[in-house]
C-alpha atoms as a PDB file:
ATOM      1  CA  UNK A   1     -31.347  45.157  71.590  1.00  0.00           C
ATOM      2  CA  UNK A   2     -27.674  45.666  71.637  1.00  0.00           C
ATOM      3  CA  UNK A   3     -27.467  43.740  68.435  1.00  0.00           C
ATOM      4  CA  UNK A   4     -29.935  46.017  66.701  1.00  0.00           C
ATOM      5  CA  UNK A   5     -27.991  49.095  67.695  1.00  0.00           C
ATOM      6  CA  UNK A   6     -24.676  47.593  66.613  1.00  0.00           C
ATOM      7  CA  UNK A   7     -26.154  46.620  63.205  1.00  0.00           C
ATOM      8  CA  UNK A   8     -27.609  50.144  62.824  1.00  0.00           C
ATOM      9  CA  UNK A   9     -24.228  51.735  63.542  1.00  0.00           C
ATOM     10  CA  UNK A  10     -22.491  49.395  61.094  1.00  0.00           C
ATOM     11  CA  UNK A  11     -25.046  50.291  58.406  1.00  0.00           C
ATOM     12  CA  UNK A  12     -24.500  54.012  58.996  1.00  0.00           C
ATOM     13  CA  UNK A  13     -20.742  53.626  58.723  1.00  0.00           C
ATOM     14  CA  UNK A  14     -21.038  51.567  55.499  1.00  0.00           C
ATOM     15  CA  UNK A  15     -23.401  54.133  53.977  1.00  0.00           C
ATOM     16  CA  UNK A  16     -21.048  56.991  54.904  1.00  0.00           C
ATOM     17  CA  UNK A  17     -18.102  55.128  53.337  1.00  0.00           C
ATOM     18  CA  UNK A  18     -19.993  54.447  50.097  1.00  0.00           C
ATOM     19  CA  UNK A  19     -21.221  58.027  49.921  1.00  0.00           C
ATOM     20  CA  UNK A  20     -17.714  59.371  50.486  1.00  0.00           C
ATOM     21  CA  UNK A  21     -16.329  57.055  47.777  1.00  0.00           C
ATOM     22  CA  UNK A  22     -18.950  58.218  45.275  1.00  0.00           C
ATOM     23  CA  UNK A  23     -18.199  61.884  46.020  1.00  0.00           C
ATOM     24  CA  UNK A  24     -14.456  61.301  45.616  1.00  0.00           C
ATOM     25  CA  UNK A  25     -15.006  59.490  42.283  1.00  0.00           C
ATOM     26  CA  UNK A  26     -17.133  62.417  41.031  1.00  0.00           C
ATOM     27  CA  UNK A  27     -14.409  64.919  41.970  1.00  0.00           C
ATOM     28  CA  UNK A  28     -11.721  62.932  40.180  1.00  0.00           C
ATOM     29  CA  UNK A  29     -13.915  62.506  37.103  1.00  0.00           C
ATOM     30  CA  UNK A  30     -14.520  66.269  36.987  1.00  0.00           C
ATOM     31  CA  UNK A  31     -10.785  66.938  37.266  1.00  0.00           C
ATOM     32  CA  UNK A  32     -10.029  64.363  34.537  1.00  0.00           C
ATOM     33  CA  UNK A  33     -12.563  66.020  32.207  1.00  0.00           C
ATOM     34  CA  UNK A  34     -10.933  69.387  32.725  1.00  0.00           C
ATOM     35  CA  UNK A  35      -7.441  67.967  32.079  1.00  0.00           C
ATOM     36  CA  UNK A  36      -8.628  66.186  28.912  1.00  0.00           C
ATOM     37  CA  UNK A  37     -10.192  69.401  27.636  1.00  0.00           C
ATOM     38  CA  UNK A  38      -6.952  71.306  28.176  1.00  0.00           C
ATOM     39  CA  UNK A  39      -4.894  68.553  26.454  1.00  0.00           C
ATOM     40  CA  UNK A  40      -7.224  68.579  23.417  1.00  0.00           C
ATOM     41  CA  UNK A  41      -6.886  72.331  23.044  1.00  0.00           C
ATOM     42  CA  UNK A  42      -3.116  72.108  23.347  1.00  0.00           C
ATOM     43  CA  UNK A  43      -2.907  69.279  20.766  1.00  0.00           C
ATOM     44  CA  UNK A  44      -5.218  71.149  18.409  1.00  0.00           C
ATOM     45  CA  UNK A  45      -2.854  74.128  18.526  1.00  0.00           C
ATOM     46  CA  UNK A  46       0.232  71.897  17.973  1.00  0.00           C
ATOM     47  CA  UNK A  47      -1.346  69.660  15.309  1.00  0.00           C
ATOM     48  CA  UNK A  48      -0.713  71.763  12.219  1.00  0.00           C
ATOM     49  CA  UNK A  49       2.875  72.370  13.245  1.00  0.00           C
ATOM     50  CA  UNK A  50       3.478  68.660  13.951  1.00  0.00           C
ATOM     51  CA  UNK A  51       1.758  67.589  10.760  1.00  0.00           C
ATOM     52  CA  UNK A  52       3.792  69.980   8.660  1.00  0.00           C
ATOM     53  CA  UNK A  53       6.990  68.820  10.330  1.00  0.00           C
ATOM     54  CA  UNK A  54       6.131  65.111   9.772  1.00  0.00           C
ATOM     55  CA  UNK A  55       5.236  65.781   6.133  1.00  0.00           C
ATOM     56  CA  UNK A  56       8.534  67.621   5.591  1.00  0.00           C
ATOM     57  CA  UNK A  57      10.518  64.741   7.141  1.00  0.00           C
ATOM     58  CA  UNK A  58       8.582  62.214   5.077  1.00  0.00           C
ATOM     59  CA  UNK A  59       9.375  64.097   1.843  1.00  0.00           C
ATOM     60  CA  UNK A  60      13.070  64.215   2.730  1.00  0.00           C
ATOM     61  CA  UNK A  61      13.100  60.458   3.465  1.00  0.00           C
ATOM     62  CA  UNK A  62      11.272  59.747   0.221  1.00  0.00           C
ATOM     63  CA  UNK A  63      13.794  61.737  -1.820  1.00  0.00           C
ATOM     64  CA  UNK A  64      16.698  60.036  -0.060  1.00  0.00           C
ATOM     65  CA  UNK A  65      15.142  56.604  -0.641  1.00  0.00           C
ATOM     66  CA  UNK A  66      14.515  57.363  -4.297  1.00  0.00           C
ATOM     67  CA  UNK A  67      18.161  58.318  -4.754  1.00  0.00           C
ATOM     68  CA  UNK A  68      19.334  55.174  -2.952  1.00  0.00           C
ATOM     69  CA  UNK A  69      16.898  53.032  -4.933  1.00  0.00           C
ATOM     70  CA  UNK A  70      18.226  54.420  -8.217  1.00  0.00           C
ATOM     71  CA  UNK A  71      21.790  53.673  -7.152  1.00  0.00           C
ATOM     72  CA  UNK A  72      20.831  50.221  -5.965  1.00  0.00           C
ATOM     73  CA  UNK A  73      19.061  49.517  -9.245  1.00  0.00           C
ATOM     74  CA  UNK A  74      22.147  50.545 -11.233  1.00  0.00           C
ATOM     75  CA  UNK A  75      24.409  48.335  -9.113  1.00  0.00           C
ATOM     76  CA  UNK A  76      21.922  45.491  -9.311  1.00  0.00           C
ATOM     77  CA  UNK A  77      21.633  45.641 -13.107  1.00  0.00           C
ATOM     78  CA  UNK A  78      25.417  45.837 -13.347  1.00  0.00           C
ATOM     79  CA  UNK A  79      25.795  42.557 -11.442  1.00  0.00           C
ATOM     80  CA  UNK A  80      22.471  40.953 -12.310  1.00  0.00           C
ATOM     81  CA  UNK A  81      22.805  40.610 -16.089  1.00  0.00           C
ATOM     82  CA  UNK A  82      26.086  38.622 -16.050  1.00  0.00           C
ATOM     83  CA  UNK A  83      24.792  36.559 -13.145  1.00  0.00           C
ATOM     84  CA  UNK A  84      21.567  35.864 -15.022  1.00  0.00           C
ATOM     85  CA  UNK A  85      23.500  34.753 -18.138  1.00  0.00           C
ATOM     86  CA  UNK A  86      25.764  32.531 -16.052  1.00  0.00           C
ATOM     87  CA  UNK A  87      22.768  31.092 -14.218  1.00  0.00           C
ATOM     88  CA  UNK A  88      20.998  30.296 -17.499  1.00  0.00           C
ATOM     89  CA  UNK A  89      24.111  28.554 -18.826  1.00  0.00           C
ATOM     90  CA  UNK A  90      24.623  26.552 -15.649  1.00  0.00           C
ATOM     91  CA  UNK A  91      20.925  25.687 -15.536  1.00  0.00           C
ATOM     92  CA  UNK A  92      21.163  24.136 -18.996  1.00  0.00           C
ATOM     93  CA  UNK A  93      24.185  22.080 -17.963  1.00  0.00           C
ATOM     94  CA  UNK A  94      22.468  21.056 -14.727  1.00  0.00           C
ATOM     95  CA  UNK A  95      19.371  19.945 -16.647  1.00  0.00           C
ATOM     96  CA  UNK A  96      21.479  17.765 -18.963  1.00  0.00           C
ATOM     97  CA  UNK A  97      23.378  16.205 -16.071  1.00  0.00           C
ATOM     98  CA  UNK A  98      20.167  15.715 -14.115  1.00  0.00           C
ATOM     99  CA  UNK A  99      18.471  14.047 -17.088  1.00  0.00           C
ATOM    100  CA  UNK A 100      21.424  11.663 -17.534  1.00  0.00           C
ATOM    101  CA  UNK A 101      21.563  10.791 -13.853  1.00  0.00           C
ATOM    102  CA  UNK A 102      17.808  10.361 -13.681  1.00  0.00           C
ATOM    103  CA  UNK A 103      17.916   7.976 -16.637  1.00  0.00           C
ATOM    104  CA  UNK A 104      20.742   6.009 -14.999  1.00  0.00           C
ATOM    105  CA  UNK A 105      18.826   5.880 -11.716  1.00  0.00           C
ATOM    106  CA  UNK A 106      15.688   4.648 -13.493  1.00  0.00           C
ATOM    107  CA  UNK A 107      17.643   1.899 -15.224  1.00  0.00           C
ATOM    108  CA  UNK A 108      19.299   0.846 -11.975  1.00  0.00           C
ATOM    109  CA  UNK A 109      15.956   0.813 -10.185  1.00  0.00           C
ATOM    110  CA  UNK A 110      14.390  -1.222 -12.981  1.00  0.00           C
ATOM    111  CA  UNK A 111      17.198  -3.763 -12.707  1.00  0.00           C
ATOM    112  CA  UNK A 112      16.736  -3.954  -8.936  1.00  0.00           C
ATOM    113  CA  UNK A 113      12.982  -4.328  -9.140  1.00  0.00           C
ATOM    114  CA  UNK A 114      12.884  -6.731 -12.095  1.00  0.00           C
ATOM    115  CA  UNK A 115      16.278  -8.285 -12.740  1.00  0.00           C
ATOM    116  CA  UNK A 116      17.165  -9.398 -16.238  1.00  0.00           C
ATOM    117  CA  UNK A 117      15.488 -12.684 -17.015  1.00  0.00           C
ATOM    118  CA  UNK A 118      17.782 -15.669 -16.569  1.00  0.00           C
ATOM    119  CA  UNK A 119      18.125 -17.747 -19.690  1.00  0.00           C
ATOM    120  CA  UNK A 120      15.739 -20.630 -19.149  1.00  0.00           C
ATOM    121  CA  UNK A 121      16.912 -24.108 -19.810  1.00  0.00           C
ATOM    122  CA  UNK A 122      14.701 -26.295 -21.863  1.00  0.00           C
ATOM    123  CA  UNK A 123      13.184 -28.927 -19.676  1.00  0.00           C
ATOM    124  CA  UNK A 124      11.140 -30.852 -22.213  1.00  0.00           C
ATOM    125  CA  UNK A 125      14.009 -33.173 -23.233  1.00  0.00           C
ATOM    126  CA  UNK A 126      14.492 -34.143 -19.606  1.00  0.00           C
ATOM    127  CA  UNK A 127      10.785 -34.676 -19.157  1.00  0.00           C
ATOM    128  CA  UNK A 128      10.672 -36.828 -22.288  1.00  0.00           C
ATOM    129  CA  UNK A 129      13.584 -38.931 -21.044  1.00  0.00           C
ATOM    130  CA  UNK A 130      11.924 -39.289 -17.644  1.00  0.00           C
ATOM    131  CA  UNK A 131       8.641 -40.339 -19.269  1.00  0.00           C
ATOM    132  CA  UNK A 132      10.435 -42.943 -21.423  1.00  0.00           C
ATOM    133  CA  UNK A 133      12.279 -44.274 -18.366  1.00  0.00           C
ATOM    134  CA  UNK A 134       9.029 -44.593 -16.398  1.00  0.00           C
ATOM    135  CA  UNK A 135       7.388 -46.302 -19.398  1.00  0.00           C
ATOM    136  CA  UNK A 136      10.334 -48.712 -19.728  1.00  0.00           C
ATOM    137  CA  UNK A 137      10.229 -49.538 -16.032  1.00  0.00           C
ATOM    138  CA  UNK A 138       6.463 -50.182 -16.220  1.00  0.00           C
ATOM    139  CA  UNK A 139       6.928 -52.424 -19.270  1.00  0.00           C
ATOM    140  CA  UNK A 140       9.692 -54.356 -17.510  1.00  0.00           C
ATOM    141  CA  UNK A 141       7.457 -54.905 -14.477  1.00  0.00           C
ATOM    142  CA  UNK A 142       4.586 -56.110 -16.661  1.00  0.00           C
ATOM    143  CA  UNK A 143       6.815 -58.454 -18.622  1.00  0.00           C
ATOM    144  CA  UNK A 144       8.274 -60.017 -15.485  1.00  0.00           C
ATOM    145  CA  UNK A 145       4.791 -60.740 -14.107  1.00  0.00           C
ATOM    146  CA  UNK A 146       3.659 -62.493 -17.251  1.00  0.00           C
ATOM    147  CA  UNK A 147       3.628 -66.285 -16.936  1.00  0.00           C
ATOM    148  CA  UNK A 148       6.468 -67.950 -18.674  1.00  0.00           C
ATOM    149  CA  UNK A 149       5.658 -69.655 -21.845  1.00  0.00           C
ATOM    150  CA  UNK A 150       5.686 -73.456 -21.814  1.00  0.00           C
ATOM    151  CA  UNK A 151       6.078 -75.619 -24.790  1.00  0.00           C
ATOM    152  CA  UNK A 152       2.774 -76.984 -26.054  1.00  0.00           C
ATOM    153  CA  UNK A 153       2.084 -80.674 -25.638  1.00  0.00           C
ATOM    154  CA  UNK A 154       2.440 -82.630 -28.782  1.00  0.00           C
ATOM    155  CA  UNK A 155      -0.811 -83.662 -30.390  1.00  0.00           C
ATOM    156  CA  UNK A 156      -1.525 -87.299 -29.884  1.00  0.00           C
ATOM    157  CA  UNK A 157      -4.095 -89.136 -31.950  1.00  0.00           C
ATOM    158  CA  UNK A 158      -7.064 -90.531 -29.956  1.00  0.00           C
ATOM    159  CA  UNK A 159      -5.740 -94.113 -29.968  1.00  0.00           C
ATOM    160  CA  UNK A 160      -2.525 -93.240 -28.207  1.00  0.00           C
ATOM    161  CA  UNK A 161      -4.070 -91.212 -25.451  1.00  0.00           C
ATOM    162  CA  UNK A 162      -4.454 -92.380 -21.904  1.00  0.00           C
ATOM    163  CA  UNK A 163      -7.676 -94.078 -21.009  1.00  0.00           C
ATOM    164  CA  UNK A 164     -10.010 -91.970 -18.863  1.00  0.00           C
ATOM    165  CA  UNK A 165      -8.741 -88.659 -20.108  1.00  0.00           C
ATOM    166  CA  UNK A 166     -10.903 -86.205 -21.821  1.00  0.00           C
ATOM    167  CA  UNK A 167      -9.260 -86.780 -25.166  1.00  0.00           C
ATOM    168  CA  UNK A 168      -9.713 -90.559 -24.995  1.00  0.00           C
ATOM    169  CA  UNK A 169     -13.526 -90.453 -24.822  1.00  0.00           C
ATOM    170  CA  UNK A 170     -14.684 -91.098 -28.394  1.00  0.00           C
ATOM    171  CA  UNK A 171     -18.370 -90.509 -27.651  1.00  0.00           C
ATOM    172  CA  UNK A 172     -17.798 -87.151 -25.998  1.00  0.00           C
ATOM    173  CA  UNK A 173     -19.640 -88.078 -22.845  1.00  0.00           C
ATOM    174  CA  UNK A 174     -16.761 -87.172 -20.551  1.00  0.00           C
ATOM    175  CA  UNK A 175     -17.890 -84.538 -18.092  1.00  0.00           C
ATOM    176  CA  UNK A 176     -21.633 -84.939 -18.750  1.00  0.00           C
ATOM    177  CA  UNK A 177     -23.987 -85.749 -15.843  1.00  0.00           C
ATOM    178  CA  UNK A 178     -24.793 -89.175 -17.236  1.00  0.00           C
ATOM    179  CA  UNK A 179     -21.159 -90.069 -17.440  1.00  0.00           C
ATOM    180  CA  UNK A 180     -20.810 -89.808 -13.689  1.00  0.00           C
ATOM    181  CA  UNK A 181     -23.049 -92.760 -13.134  1.00  0.00           C
ATOM    182  CA  UNK A 182     -26.353 -90.989 -13.082  1.00  0.00           C
ATOM    183  CA  UNK A 183     -29.066 -93.010 -14.757  1.00  0.00           C
ATOM    184  CA  UNK A 184     -30.999 -90.249 -16.374  1.00  0.00           C
ATOM    185  CA  UNK A 185     -30.753 -86.601 -16.567  1.00  0.00           C
ATOM    186  CA  UNK A 186     -34.488 -86.077 -16.569  1.00  0.00           C
ATOM    187  CA  UNK A 187     -36.212 -84.553 -13.635  1.00  0.00           C
ATOM    188  CA  UNK A 188     -38.750 -86.516 -11.790  1.00  0.00           C
ATOM    189  CA  UNK A 189     -42.211 -85.178 -12.282  1.00  0.00           C
ATOM    190  CA  UNK A 190     -43.838 -83.345  -9.495  1.00  0.00           C
ATOM    191  CA  UNK A 191     -47.066 -85.261  -9.739  1.00  0.00           C
ATOM    192  CA  UNK A 192     -46.751 -88.898  -8.652  1.00  0.00           C
ATOM    193  CA  UNK A 193     -49.784 -91.305  -8.255  1.00  0.00           C
END
């Protein structure tokens, strides 16, 4: 039971603290409302005076600025017109110089990117000479492979020729199957009795 009593006392103390805090907050809020009301009344009384004073100061500053602006404009026009003329003149010169330099730079860049074509030598005469040389070499090789010509044998009449040679056979039977000693050139028949 001691625990129940201690929890009850703690709850009472917490409730008293919260209640006291709420009462204090209400008192301070009431005091703050009163102070705000007094400040509004005071500002409302001072407002027209402050506004008139600020307006008067603003008018004085505006007049002073207008005078300074007029003076500044006079000084500016006094220096501006000659400066503007000089600037226009120099701008024209700068444009001419820039155009010349830009043209030079373009030419230099073009030369760097695509150099001037080198004069080409004609190669077709060399190729023609090479082709003729190869043709001559091929002809020389073919001519050296060709059998050498021999002198033809003199024509001998049939009487003076050697016996047993092809030219000495007056009947023309040299080289035929019957001239080799074969009896007949006929085939034996397939049907024999």
